[in-house]
PDB file of N, CA and C in Angstrom:
ATOM      1  N   PRO A   1     103.651 119.804  74.396  1.00  0.00           N
ATOM      2  CA  PRO A   1     102.485 119.582  73.554  1.00  0.00           C
ATOM      3  C   PRO A   1     102.381 118.149  73.028  1.00  0.00           C
ATOM      4  N   ASN A   2     103.484 117.412  73.038  1.00  0.00           N
ATOM      5  CA  ASN A   2     103.447 116.047  72.510  1.00  0.00           C
ATOM      6  C   ASN A   2     103.114 115.013  73.569  1.00  0.00           C
ATOM      7  N   LYS A   3     102.995 115.447  74.813  1.00  0.00           N
ATOM      8  CA  LYS A   3     102.710 114.505  75.898  1.00  0.00           C
ATOM      9  C   LYS A   3     101.205 114.415  76.138  1.00  0.00           C
ATOM     10  N   THR A   4     100.775 113.212  76.511  1.00  0.00           N
ATOM     11  CA  THR A   4      99.368 113.025  76.849  1.00  0.00           C
ATOM     12  C   THR A   4      99.212 113.079  78.359  1.00  0.00           C
ATOM     13  N   THR A   5      98.055 113.539  78.806  1.00  0.00           N
ATOM     14  CA  THR A   5      97.809 113.613  80.239  1.00  0.00           C
ATOM     15  C   THR A   5      97.448 112.235  80.763  1.00  0.00           C
ATOM     16  N   LYS A   6      97.753 112.028  82.017  1.00  0.00           N
ATOM     17  CA  LYS A   6      97.489 110.748  82.653  1.00  0.00           C
ATOM     18  C   LYS A   6      96.847 111.012  84.009  1.00  0.00           C
ATOM     19  N   ALA A   7      95.722 110.377  84.278  1.00  0.00           N
ATOM     20  CA  ALA A   7      95.054 110.518  85.572  1.00  0.00           C
ATOM     21  C   ALA A   7      95.810 109.689  86.613  1.00  0.00           C
ATOM     22  N   VAL A   8      96.043 110.289  87.770  1.00  0.00           N
ATOM     23  CA  VAL A   8      96.723 109.588  88.854  1.00  0.00           C
ATOM     24  C   VAL A   8      95.884 109.684  90.111  1.00  0.00           C
ATOM     25  N   SER A   9      96.087 108.765  91.014  1.00  0.00           N
ATOM     26  CA  SER A   9      95.356 108.790  92.279  1.00  0.00           C
ATOM     27  C   SER A   9      96.082 109.697  93.262  1.00  0.00           C
ATOM     28  N   ASN A  10      95.478 109.831  94.450  1.00  0.00           N
ATOM     29  CA  ASN A  10      96.097 110.673  95.467  1.00  0.00           C
ATOM     30  C   ASN A  10      97.265 109.968  96.158  1.00  0.00           C
ATOM     31  N   GLY A  11      97.512 108.708  95.830  1.00  0.00           N
ATOM     32  CA  GLY A  11      98.650 107.987  96.379  1.00  0.00           C
ATOM     33  C   GLY A  11      98.406 107.360  97.731  1.00  0.00           C
ATOM     34  N   LEU A  12      97.246 107.597  98.323  1.00  0.00           N
ATOM     35  CA  LEU A  12      96.957 107.018  99.628  1.00  0.00           C
ATOM     36  C   LEU A  12      96.302 105.657  99.433  1.00  0.00           C
ATOM     37  N   ARG A  13      97.064 104.622  99.583  1.00  0.00           N
ATOM     38  CA  ARG A  13      96.586 103.251  99.465  1.00  0.00           C
ATOM     39  C   ARG A  13      96.857 102.554 100.790  1.00  0.00           C
ATOM     40  N   PRO A  14      95.890 102.585 101.719  1.00  0.00           N
ATOM     41  CA  PRO A  14      96.138 102.037 103.045  1.00  0.00           C
ATOM     42  C   PRO A  14      96.447 100.540 103.011  1.00  0.00           C
ATOM     43  N   LYS A  15      97.421 100.155 103.813  1.00  0.00           N
ATOM     44  CA  LYS A  15      97.818  98.747 103.904  1.00  0.00           C
ATOM     45  C   LYS A  15      97.203  98.058 105.119  1.00  0.00           C
ATOM     46  N   SER A  16      96.566  98.856 105.994  1.00  0.00           N
ATOM     47  CA  SER A  16      95.917  98.291 107.167  1.00  0.00           C
ATOM     48  C   SER A  16      94.697  99.138 107.526  1.00  0.00           C
ATOM     49  N   ILE A  17      93.848  98.581 108.349  1.00  0.00           N
ATOM     50  CA  ILE A  17      92.658  99.302 108.801  1.00  0.00           C
ATOM     51  C   ILE A  17      93.062 100.531 109.615  1.00  0.00           C
ATOM     52  N   THR A  18      94.093 100.410 110.426  1.00  0.00           N
ATOM     53  CA  THR A  18      94.574 101.554 111.206  1.00  0.00           C
ATOM     54  C   THR A  18      95.030 102.674 110.278  1.00  0.00           C
ATOM     55  N   ASN A  19      95.768 102.330 109.222  1.00  0.00           N
ATOM     56  CA  ASN A  19      96.180 103.342 108.244  1.00  0.00           C
ATOM     57  C   ASN A  19      94.977 103.963 107.546  1.00  0.00           C
ATOM     58  N   PHE A  20      93.977 103.147 107.228  1.00  0.00           N
ATOM     59  CA  PHE A  20      92.758 103.650 106.603  1.00  0.00           C
ATOM     60  C   PHE A  20      92.093 104.687 107.496  1.00  0.00           C
ATOM     61  N   LEU A  21      91.907 104.345 108.762  1.00  0.00           N
ATOM     62  CA  LEU A  21      91.242 105.259 109.690  1.00  0.00           C
ATOM     63  C   LEU A  21      92.065 106.529 109.930  1.00  0.00           C
ATOM     64  N   ASN A  22      93.398 106.374 110.015  1.00  0.00           N
ATOM     65  CA  ASN A  22      94.259 107.543 110.227  1.00  0.00           C
ATOM     66  C   ASN A  22      94.294 108.461 109.008  1.00  0.00           C
ATOM     67  N   SER A  23      94.077 107.912 107.809  1.00  0.00           N
ATOM     68  CA  SER A  23      94.131 108.735 106.597  1.00  0.00           C
ATOM     69  C   SER A  23      92.832 109.488 106.334  1.00  0.00           C
ATOM     70  N   LEU A  24      91.740 109.091 106.969  1.00  0.00           N
ATOM     71  CA  LEU A  24      90.454 109.721 106.690  1.00  0.00           C
ATOM     72  C   LEU A  24      90.448 111.238 106.904  1.00  0.00           C
ATOM     73  N   PRO A  25      90.991 111.761 108.015  1.00  0.00           N
ATOM     74  CA  PRO A  25      90.991 113.225 108.163  1.00  0.00           C
ATOM     75  C   PRO A  25      91.826 113.927 107.092  1.00  0.00           C
ATOM     76  N   LEU A  26      92.833 113.248 106.567  1.00  0.00           N
ATOM     77  CA  LEU A  26      93.704 113.855 105.553  1.00  0.00           C
ATOM     78  C   LEU A  26      93.023 113.978 104.193  1.00  0.00           C
ATOM     79  N   VAL A  27      92.157 113.037 103.847  1.00  0.00           N
ATOM     80  CA  VAL A  27      91.533 113.034 102.533  1.00  0.00           C
ATOM     81  C   VAL A  27      90.079 113.527 102.561  1.00  0.00           C
ATOM     82  N   PHE A  28      89.610 113.917 103.733  1.00  0.00           N
ATOM     83  CA  PHE A  28      88.223 114.386 103.874  1.00  0.00           C
ATOM     84  C   PHE A  28      87.994 115.643 103.046  1.00  0.00           C
ATOM     85  N   GLN A  29      86.926 115.653 102.261  1.00  0.00           N
ATOM     86  CA  GLN A  29      86.571 116.793 101.411  1.00  0.00           C
ATOM     87  C   GLN A  29      85.380 117.522 102.016  1.00  0.00           C
ATOM     88  N   ARG A  30      85.649 118.658 102.666  1.00  0.00           N
ATOM     89  CA  ARG A  30      84.591 119.412 103.347  1.00  0.00           C
ATOM     90  C   ARG A  30      83.463 119.805 102.396  1.00  0.00           C
ATOM     91  N   ASP A  31      83.818 120.327 101.240  1.00  0.00           N
ATOM     92  CA  ASP A  31      82.804 120.814 100.309  1.00  0.00           C
ATOM     93  C   ASP A  31      81.899 119.694  99.797  1.00  0.00           C
ATOM     94  N   LYS A  32      82.455 118.517  99.617  1.00  0.00           N
ATOM     95  CA  LYS A  32      81.669 117.379  99.121  1.00  0.00           C
ATOM     96  C   LYS A  32      80.770 116.802 100.210  1.00  0.00           C
ATOM     97  N   SER A  33      81.041 117.157 101.480  1.00  0.00           N
ATOM     98  CA  SER A  33      80.258 116.604 102.580  1.00  0.00           C
ATOM     99  C   SER A  33      79.039 117.457 102.925  1.00  0.00           C
ATOM    100  N   GLU A  34      78.809 118.505 102.161  1.00  0.00           N
ATOM    101  CA  GLU A  34      77.666 119.371 102.449  1.00  0.00           C
ATOM    102  C   GLU A  34      76.369 118.575 102.365  1.00  0.00           C
ATOM    103  N   GLY A  35      75.564 118.692 103.392  1.00  0.00           N
ATOM    104  CA  GLY A  35      74.293 117.983 103.441  1.00  0.00           C
ATOM    105  C   GLY A  35      74.375 116.596 104.059  1.00  0.00           C
ATOM    106  N   VAL A  36      75.572 116.108 104.340  1.00  0.00           N
ATOM    107  CA  VAL A  36      75.725 114.787 104.958  1.00  0.00           C
ATOM    108  C   VAL A  36      75.707 114.958 106.470  1.00  0.00           C
ATOM    109  N   ASP A  37      74.798 114.250 107.112  1.00  0.00           N
ATOM    110  CA  ASP A  37      74.691 114.266 108.575  1.00  0.00           C
ATOM    111  C   ASP A  37      74.441 112.820 108.990  1.00  0.00           C
ATOM    112  N   ALA A  38      75.537 112.084 109.201  1.00  0.00           N
ATOM    113  CA  ALA A  38      75.389 110.651 109.439  1.00  0.00           C
ATOM    114  C   ALA A  38      76.448 110.122 110.391  1.00  0.00           C
ATOM    115  N   THR A  39      76.078 109.068 111.090  1.00  0.00           N
ATOM    116  CA  THR A  39      76.993 108.342 111.965  1.00  0.00           C
ATOM    117  C   THR A  39      77.185 106.954 111.366  1.00  0.00           C
ATOM    118  N   TYR A  40      78.447 106.588 111.173  1.00  0.00           N
ATOM    119  CA  TYR A  40      78.803 105.303 110.576  1.00  0.00           C
ATOM    120  C   TYR A  40      79.515 104.449 111.613  1.00  0.00           C
ATOM    121  N   HIS A  41      79.059 103.230 111.780  1.00  0.00           N
ATOM    122  CA  HIS A  41      79.771 102.249 112.607  1.00  0.00           C
ATOM    123  C   HIS A  41      80.460 101.283 111.654  1.00  0.00           C
ATOM    124  N   PHE A  42      81.736 101.057 111.889  1.00  0.00           N
ATOM    125  CA  PHE A  42      82.500 100.087 111.110  1.00  0.00           C
ATOM    126  C   PHE A  42      82.979  98.991 112.051  1.00  0.00           C
ATOM    127  N   THR A  43      82.663  97.745 111.725  1.00  0.00           N
ATOM    128  CA  THR A  43      83.171  96.588 112.449  1.00  0.00           C
ATOM    129  C   THR A  43      83.984  95.780 111.454  1.00  0.00           C
ATOM    130  N   PHE A  44      85.283  95.733 111.671  1.00  0.00           N
ATOM    131  CA  PHE A  44      86.176  94.995 110.784  1.00  0.00           C
ATOM    132  C   PHE A  44      86.496  93.650 111.414  1.00  0.00           C
ATOM    133  N   THR A  45      86.396  92.603 110.604  1.00  0.00           N
ATOM    134  CA  THR A  45      86.665  91.240 111.062  1.00  0.00           C
ATOM    135  C   THR A  45      87.816  90.689 110.234  1.00  0.00           C
ATOM    136  N   GLY A  46      88.152  89.455 110.465  1.00  0.00           N
ATOM    137  CA  GLY A  46      89.210  88.824 109.681  1.00  0.00           C
ATOM    138  C   GLY A  46      90.567  89.035 110.310  1.00  0.00           C
ATOM    139  N   GLU A  47      91.564  89.281 109.469  1.00  0.00           N
ATOM    140  CA  GLU A  47      92.945  89.411 109.933  1.00  0.00           C
ATOM    141  C   GLU A  47      93.134  90.538 110.930  1.00  0.00           C
ATOM    142  N   GLU A  48      92.505  91.657 110.655  1.00  0.00           N
ATOM    143  CA  GLU A  48      92.669  92.842 111.508  1.00  0.00           C
ATOM    144  C   GLU A  48      91.310  93.237 112.073  1.00  0.00           C
ATOM    145  N   LYS A  49      91.074  92.882 113.320  1.00  0.00           N
ATOM    146  CA  LYS A  49      89.798  93.187 113.963  1.00  0.00           C
ATOM    147  C   LYS A  49      89.857  94.603 114.547  1.00  0.00           C
ATOM    148  N   HIS A  50      88.809  95.379 114.276  1.00  0.00           N
ATOM    149  CA  HIS A  50      88.770  96.753 114.773  1.00  0.00           C
ATOM    150  C   HIS A  50      87.335  97.265 114.692  1.00  0.00           C
ATOM    151  N   GLN A  51      86.982  98.155 115.596  1.00  0.00           N
ATOM    152  CA  GLN A  51      85.687  98.823 115.545  1.00  0.00           C
ATOM    153  C   GLN A  51      85.926 100.326 115.591  1.00  0.00           C
ATOM    154  N   ALA A  52      85.152 101.071 114.803  1.00  0.00           N
ATOM    155  CA  ALA A  52      85.319 102.519 114.759  1.00  0.00           C
ATOM    156  C   ALA A  52      83.982 103.175 114.452  1.00  0.00           C
ATOM    157  N   THR A  53      83.851 104.398 114.915  1.00  0.00           N
ATOM    158  CA  THR A  53      82.695 105.225 114.624  1.00  0.00           C
ATOM    159  C   THR A  53      83.174 106.459 113.885  1.00  0.00           C
ATOM    160  N   ILE A  54      82.551 106.761 112.774  1.00  0.00           N
ATOM    161  CA  ILE A  54      82.893 107.945 111.988  1.00  0.00           C
ATOM    162  C   ILE A  54      81.634 108.792 111.878  1.00  0.00           C
ATOM    163  N   VAL A  55      81.727 110.027 112.333  1.00  0.00           N
ATOM    164  CA  VAL A  55      80.597 110.952 112.297  1.00  0.00           C
ATOM    165  C   VAL A  55      80.928 112.066 111.318  1.00  0.00           C
ATOM    166  N   ILE A  56      80.071 112.248 110.331  1.00  0.00           N
ATOM    167  CA  ILE A  56      80.212 113.347 109.379  1.00  0.00           C
ATOM    168  C   ILE A  56      79.025 114.277 109.625  1.00  0.00           C
ATOM    169  N   ARG A  57      79.336 115.484 110.054  1.00  0.00           N
ATOM    170  CA  ARG A  57      78.285 116.437 110.408  1.00  0.00           C
ATOM    171  C   ARG A  57      78.825 117.850 110.251  1.00  0.00           C
ATOM    172  N   LYS A  58      78.052 118.724 109.662  1.00  0.00           N
ATOM    173  CA  LYS A  58      78.397 120.144 109.513  1.00  0.00           C
ATOM    174  C   LYS A  58      79.768 120.344 108.870  1.00  0.00           C
ATOM    175  N   LYS A  59      80.005 119.628 107.775  1.00  0.00           N
ATOM    176  CA  LYS A  59      81.254 119.714 107.017  1.00  0.00           C
ATOM    177  C   LYS A  59      82.499 119.386 107.838  1.00  0.00           C
ATOM    178  N   SER A  60      82.350 118.484 108.803  1.00  0.00           N
ATOM    179  CA  SER A  60      83.499 118.040 109.584  1.00  0.00           C
ATOM    180  C   SER A  60      83.393 116.533 109.801  1.00  0.00           C
ATOM    181  N   VAL A  61      84.531 115.940 110.162  1.00  0.00           N
ATOM    182  CA  VAL A  61      84.578 114.500 110.398  1.00  0.00           C
ATOM    183  C   VAL A  61      85.173 114.248 111.773  1.00  0.00           C
ATOM    184  N   GLN A  62      84.597 113.289 112.468  1.00  0.00           N
ATOM    185  CA  GLN A  62      85.107 112.872 113.774  1.00  0.00           C
ATOM    186  C   GLN A  62      85.218 111.356 113.763  1.00  0.00           C
ATOM    187  N   ILE A  63      86.371 110.861 114.199  1.00  0.00           N
ATOM    188  CA  ILE A  63      86.625 109.423 114.198  1.00  0.00           C
ATOM    189  C   ILE A  63      86.910 108.970 115.618  1.00  0.00           C
ATOM    190  N   ASP A  64      86.172 107.976 116.083  1.00  0.00           N
ATOM    191  CA  ASP A  64      86.335 107.435 117.436  1.00  0.00           C
ATOM    192  C   ASP A  64      86.596 105.943 117.353  1.00  0.00           C
ATOM    193  N   ASN A  65      87.421 105.440 118.248  1.00  0.00           N
ATOM    194  CA  ASN A  65      87.599 103.999 118.382  1.00  0.00           C
ATOM    195  C   ASN A  65      86.393 103.430 119.093  1.00  0.00           C
ATOM    196  N   GLY A  66      85.970 102.266 118.688  1.00  0.00           N
ATOM    197  CA  GLY A  66      84.806 101.640 119.298  1.00  0.00           C
ATOM    198  C   GLY A  66      83.524 102.131 118.646  1.00  0.00           C
ATOM    199  N   LEU A  67      82.425 101.510 119.043  1.00  0.00           N
ATOM    200  CA  LEU A  67      81.121 101.882 118.508  1.00  0.00           C
ATOM    201  C   LEU A  67      80.448 102.829 119.483  1.00  0.00           C
ATOM    202  N   VAL A  68      80.263 104.083 119.053  1.00  0.00           N
ATOM    203  CA  VAL A  68      79.734 105.138 119.907  1.00  0.00           C
ATOM    204  C   VAL A  68      78.429 105.650 119.309  1.00  0.00           C
ATOM    205  N   GLY A  69      77.387 105.703 120.105  1.00  0.00           N
ATOM    206  CA  GLY A  69      76.117 106.250 119.637  1.00  0.00           C
ATOM    207  C   GLY A  69      75.334 105.279 118.778  1.00  0.00           C
ATOM    208  N   VAL A  70      74.297 105.830 118.155  1.00  0.00           N
ATOM    209  CA  VAL A  70      73.411 105.042 117.294  1.00  0.00           C
ATOM    210  C   VAL A  70      73.798 105.318 115.839  1.00  0.00           C
ATOM    211  N   PRO A  71      74.095 104.266 115.054  1.00  0.00           N
ATOM    212  CA  PRO A  71      74.538 104.492 113.673  1.00  0.00           C
ATOM    213  C   PRO A  71      73.377 104.705 112.708  1.00  0.00           C
ATOM    214  N   ASP A  72      73.646 105.488 111.685  1.00  0.00           N
ATOM    215  CA  ASP A  72      72.726 105.582 110.562  1.00  0.00           C
ATOM    216  C   ASP A  72      73.027 104.460 109.573  1.00  0.00           C
ATOM    217  N   LEU A  73      74.314 104.044 109.520  1.00  0.00           N
ATOM    218  CA  LEU A  73      74.738 102.922 108.680  1.00  0.00           C
ATOM    219  C   LEU A  73      75.796 102.136 109.436  1.00  0.00           C
ATOM    220  N   HIS A  74      75.597 100.824 109.522  1.00  0.00           N
ATOM    221  CA  HIS A  74      76.584  99.944 110.155  1.00  0.00           C
ATOM    222  C   HIS A  74      77.190  99.068 109.066  1.00  0.00           C
ATOM    223  N   VAL A  75      78.508  99.166 108.913  1.00  0.00           N
ATOM    224  CA  VAL A  75      79.237  98.385 107.926  1.00  0.00           C
ATOM    225  C   VAL A  75      80.039  97.319 108.668  1.00  0.00           C
ATOM    226  N   THR A  76      79.790  96.061 108.364  1.00  0.00           N
ATOM    227  CA  THR A  76      80.577  94.957 108.894  1.00  0.00           C
ATOM    228  C   THR A  76      81.343  94.378 107.718  1.00  0.00           C
ATOM    229  N   ALA A  77      82.673  94.383 107.829  1.00  0.00           N
ATOM    230  CA  ALA A  77      83.470  93.975 106.666  1.00  0.00           C
ATOM    231  C   ALA A  77      84.692  93.179 107.081  1.00  0.00           C
ATOM    232  N   ASP A  78      85.037  92.211 106.245  1.00  0.00           N
ATOM    233  CA  ASP A  78      86.316  91.534 106.363  1.00  0.00           C
ATOM    234  C   ASP A  78      87.380  92.583 106.047  1.00  0.00           C
ATOM    235  N   SER A  79      88.400  92.696 106.888  1.00  0.00           N
ATOM    236  CA  SER A  79      89.394  93.762 106.721  1.00  0.00           C
ATOM    237  C   SER A  79      90.095  93.672 105.363  1.00  0.00           C
ATOM    238  N   GLY A  80      90.409  92.475 104.903  1.00  0.00           N
ATOM    239  CA  GLY A  80      91.062  92.322 103.609  1.00  0.00           C
ATOM    240  C   GLY A  80      90.171  92.743 102.455  1.00  0.00           C
ATOM    241  N   ALA A  81      88.884  92.386 102.530  1.00  0.00           N
ATOM    242  CA  ALA A  81      87.943  92.759 101.470  1.00  0.00           C
ATOM    243  C   ALA A  81      87.748  94.272 101.434  1.00  0.00           C
ATOM    244  N   TRP A  82      87.642  94.903 102.606  1.00  0.00           N
ATOM    245  CA  TRP A  82      87.455  96.350 102.665  1.00  0.00           C
ATOM    246  C   TRP A  82      88.681  97.081 102.109  1.00  0.00           C
ATOM    247  N   LEU A  83      89.866  96.649 102.506  1.00  0.00           N
ATOM    248  CA  LEU A  83      91.081  97.307 102.010  1.00  0.00           C
ATOM    249  C   LEU A  83      91.234  97.116 100.505  1.00  0.00           C
ATOM    250  N   GLY A  84      90.871  95.946  99.988  1.00  0.00           N
ATOM    251  CA  GLY A  84      90.900  95.724  98.551  1.00  0.00           C
ATOM    252  C   GLY A  84      89.947  96.655  97.819  1.00  0.00           C
ATOM    253  N   PHE A  85      88.781  96.885  98.401  1.00  0.00           N
ATOM    254  CA  PHE A  85      87.811  97.817  97.820  1.00  0.00           C
ATOM    255  C   PHE A  85      88.350  99.249  97.867  1.00  0.00           C
ATOM    256  N   ILE A  86      88.915  99.658  98.987  1.00  0.00           N
ATOM    257  CA  ILE A  86      89.450 101.017  99.140  1.00  0.00           C
ATOM    258  C   ILE A  86      90.621 101.244  98.185  1.00  0.00           C
ATOM    259  N   ARG A  87      91.464 100.230  98.011  1.00  0.00           N
ATOM    260  CA  ARG A  87      92.626 100.357  97.112  1.00  0.00           C
ATOM    261  C   ARG A  87      92.249 100.171  95.649  1.00  0.00           C
ATOM    262  N   LYS A  88      90.945  99.955  95.391  1.00  0.00           N
ATOM    263  CA  LYS A  88      90.412  99.776  94.037  1.00  0.00           C
ATOM    264  C   LYS A  88      90.992  98.551  93.337  1.00  0.00           C
ATOM    265  N   GLU A  89      91.292  97.513  94.124  1.00  0.00           N
ATOM    266  CA  GLU A  89      91.735  96.249  93.552  1.00  0.00           C
ATOM    267  C   GLU A  89      90.533  95.478  93.004  1.00  0.00           C
ATOM    268  N   HIS A  90      89.359  95.750  93.567  1.00  0.00           N
ATOM    269  CA  HIS A  90      88.112  95.144  93.092  1.00  0.00           C
ATOM    270  C   HIS A  90      86.961  96.069  93.472  1.00  0.00           C
ATOM    271  N   GLY A  91      85.819  95.820  92.884  1.00  0.00           N
ATOM    272  CA  GLY A  91      84.629  96.604  93.192  1.00  0.00           C
ATOM    273  C   GLY A  91      83.985  96.128  94.484  1.00  0.00           C
ATOM    274  N   ILE A  92      82.825  96.677  94.776  1.00  0.00           N
ATOM    275  CA  ILE A  92      82.149  96.316  96.023  1.00  0.00           C
ATOM    276  C   ILE A  92      81.091  95.223  95.804  1.00  0.00           C
ATOM    277  N   ILE A  93      80.715  94.975  94.581  1.00  0.00           N
ATOM    278  CA  ILE A  93      79.623  94.032  94.310  1.00  0.00           C
ATOM    279  C   ILE A  93      79.952  92.618  94.782  1.00  0.00           C
ATOM    280  N   MET A  94      81.111  92.081  94.394  1.00  0.00           N
ATOM    281  CA  MET A  94      81.450  90.708  94.790  1.00  0.00           C
ATOM    282  C   MET A  94      81.556  90.541  96.303  1.00  0.00           C
ATOM    283  N   PRO A  95      82.255  91.440  97.030  1.00  0.00           N
ATOM    284  CA  PRO A  95      82.280  91.283  98.484  1.00  0.00           C
ATOM    285  C   PRO A  95      80.884  91.362  99.112  1.00  0.00           C
ATOM    286  N   LEU A  96      79.992  92.168  98.529  1.00  0.00           N
ATOM    287  CA  LEU A  96      78.617  92.226  99.044  1.00  0.00           C
ATOM    288  C   LEU A  96      77.899  90.903  98.791  1.00  0.00           C
ATOM    289  N   LEU A  97      78.061  90.351  97.589  1.00  0.00           N
ATOM    290  CA  LEU A  97      77.410  89.081  97.265  1.00  0.00           C
ATOM    291  C   LEU A  97      77.967  87.928  98.100  1.00  0.00           C
ATOM    292  N   LEU A  98      79.275  87.960  98.361  1.00  0.00           N
ATOM    293  CA  LEU A  98      79.915  86.912  99.163  1.00  0.00           C
ATOM    294  C   LEU A  98      79.769  87.157 100.665  1.00  0.00           C
ATOM    295  N   ARG A  99      79.093  88.258 101.017  1.00  0.00           N
ATOM    296  CA  ARG A  99      78.841  88.640 102.417  1.00  0.00           C
ATOM    297  C   ARG A  99      80.132  88.928 103.179  1.00  0.00           C
ATOM    298  N   LYS A 100      81.165  89.350 102.469  1.00  0.00           N
ATOM    299  CA  LYS A 100      82.393  89.781 103.134  1.00  0.00           C
ATOM    300  C   LYS A 100      82.253  91.223 103.585  1.00  0.00           C
ATOM    301  N   ILE A 101      81.339  91.950 102.946  1.00  0.00           N
ATOM    302  CA  ILE A 101      80.958  93.293 103.375  1.00  0.00           C
ATOM    303  C   ILE A 101      79.445  93.278 103.523  1.00  0.00           C
ATOM    304  N   ARG A 102      78.975  93.658 104.703  1.00  0.00           N
ATOM    305  CA  ARG A 102      77.539  93.686 104.967  1.00  0.00           C
ATOM    306  C   ARG A 102      77.150  95.083 105.427  1.00  0.00           C
ATOM    307  N   LEU A 103      76.005  95.538 104.959  1.00  0.00           N
ATOM    308  CA  LEU A 103      75.503  96.860 105.298  1.00  0.00           C
ATOM    309  C   LEU A 103      74.191  96.736 106.043  1.00  0.00           C
ATOM    310  N   LYS A 104      74.037  97.542 107.088  1.00  0.00           N
ATOM    311  CA  LYS A 104      72.765  97.606 107.797  1.00  0.00           C
ATOM    312  C   LYS A 104      72.382  99.083 107.846  1.00  0.00           C
ATOM    313  N   GLY A 105      71.505  99.448 106.940  1.00  0.00           N
ATOM    314  CA  GLY A 105      71.095 100.836 106.809  1.00  0.00           C
ATOM    315  C   GLY A 105      71.026 101.195 105.337  1.00  0.00           C
ATOM    316  N   PRO A 106      70.698 102.457 105.040  1.00  0.00           N
ATOM    317  CA  PRO A 106      70.536 102.873 103.643  1.00  0.00           C
ATOM    318  C   PRO A 106      71.854 102.871 102.868  1.00  0.00           C
ATOM    319  N   VAL A 107      71.841 102.280 101.685  1.00  0.00           N
ATOM    320  CA  VAL A 107      73.034 102.211 100.839  1.00  0.00           C
ATOM    321  C   VAL A 107      73.463 103.605 100.395  1.00  0.00           C
ATOM    322  N   ARG A 108      72.521 104.530 100.287  1.00  0.00           N
ATOM    323  CA  ARG A 108      72.850 105.894  99.858  1.00  0.00           C
ATOM    324  C   ARG A 108      73.859 106.541 100.799  1.00  0.00           C
ATOM    325  N   LEU A 109      73.865 106.129 102.066  1.00  0.00           N
ATOM    326  CA  LEU A 109      74.832 106.688 103.014  1.00  0.00           C
ATOM    327  C   LEU A 109      76.250 106.215 102.709  1.00  0.00           C
ATOM    328  N   LEU A 110      76.391 105.018 102.154  1.00  0.00           N
ATOM    329  CA  LEU A 110      77.719 104.553 101.758  1.00  0.00           C
ATOM    330  C   LEU A 110      78.213 105.366 100.557  1.00  0.00           C
ATOM    331  N   ARG A 111      77.310 105.694  99.642  1.00  0.00           N
ATOM    332  CA  ARG A 111      77.686 106.560  98.513  1.00  0.00           C
ATOM    333  C   ARG A 111      78.064 107.949  99.015  1.00  0.00           C
ATOM    334  N   ALA A 112      77.328 108.474  99.996  1.00  0.00           N
ATOM    335  CA  ALA A 112      77.658 109.786 100.572  1.00  0.00           C
ATOM    336  C   ALA A 112      79.010 109.743 101.247  1.00  0.00           C
ATOM    337  N   PHE A 113      79.316 108.634 101.925  1.00  0.00           N
ATOM    338  CA  PHE A 113      80.618 108.440 102.570  1.00  0.00           C
ATOM    339  C   PHE A 113      81.721 108.481 101.513  1.00  0.00           C
ATOM    340  N   GLY A 114      81.515 107.804 100.407  1.00  0.00           N
ATOM    341  CA  GLY A 114      82.495 107.763  99.320  1.00  0.00           C
ATOM    342  C   GLY A 114      82.734 109.141  98.704  1.00  0.00           C
ATOM    343  N   ARG A 115      81.685 109.965  98.613  1.00  0.00           N
ATOM    344  CA  ARG A 115      81.856 111.319  98.075  1.00  0.00           C
ATOM    345  C   ARG A 115      82.740 112.175  98.984  1.00  0.00           C
ATOM    346  N   CYS A 116      82.650 111.941 100.277  1.00  0.00           N
ATOM    347  CA  CYS A 116      83.422 112.743 101.238  1.00  0.00           C
ATOM    348  C   CYS A 116      84.895 112.365 101.248  1.00  0.00           C
ATOM    349  N   PHE A 117      85.214 111.153 100.809  1.00  0.00           N
ATOM    350  CA  PHE A 117      86.579 110.646 100.806  1.00  0.00           C
ATOM    351  C   PHE A 117      86.931 110.111  99.433  1.00  0.00           C
ATOM    352  N   PRO A 118      87.052 110.986  98.421  1.00  0.00           N
ATOM    353  CA  PRO A 118      87.332 110.489  97.067  1.00  0.00           C
ATOM    354  C   PRO A 118      88.751 109.924  96.952  1.00  0.00           C
ATOM    355  N   ALA A 119      88.929 109.040  95.985  1.00  0.00           N
ATOM    356  CA  ALA A 119      90.245 108.423  95.785  1.00  0.00           C
ATOM    357  C   ALA A 119      91.124 109.294  94.930  1.00  0.00           C
TER     358      ALA A 119
END
């Protein structure tokens, strides 16, 4: 009764883009993805170059290497800036203003993506 509660994260703090992509199926929240039907293209630049397609449809997630199909949202990001955002070292506003993260498509889809993969 004398202890205070403390909020903690899920402990998944990816150190690389490959780790980020591999962790997505583990942290995917089916219930939070209800109503999301979108294809995301991610192009990572900078230190770690990588391209991936993430499809969220019918409460499931599919991750493919490379850019497959037509995206609803295309995210082009510096790998370091994206990992810093995912690890909550900084927000997304500054990387967007500095053009280290660029979006092509509706911003609401990025919010929907975030709901499916909470921290």
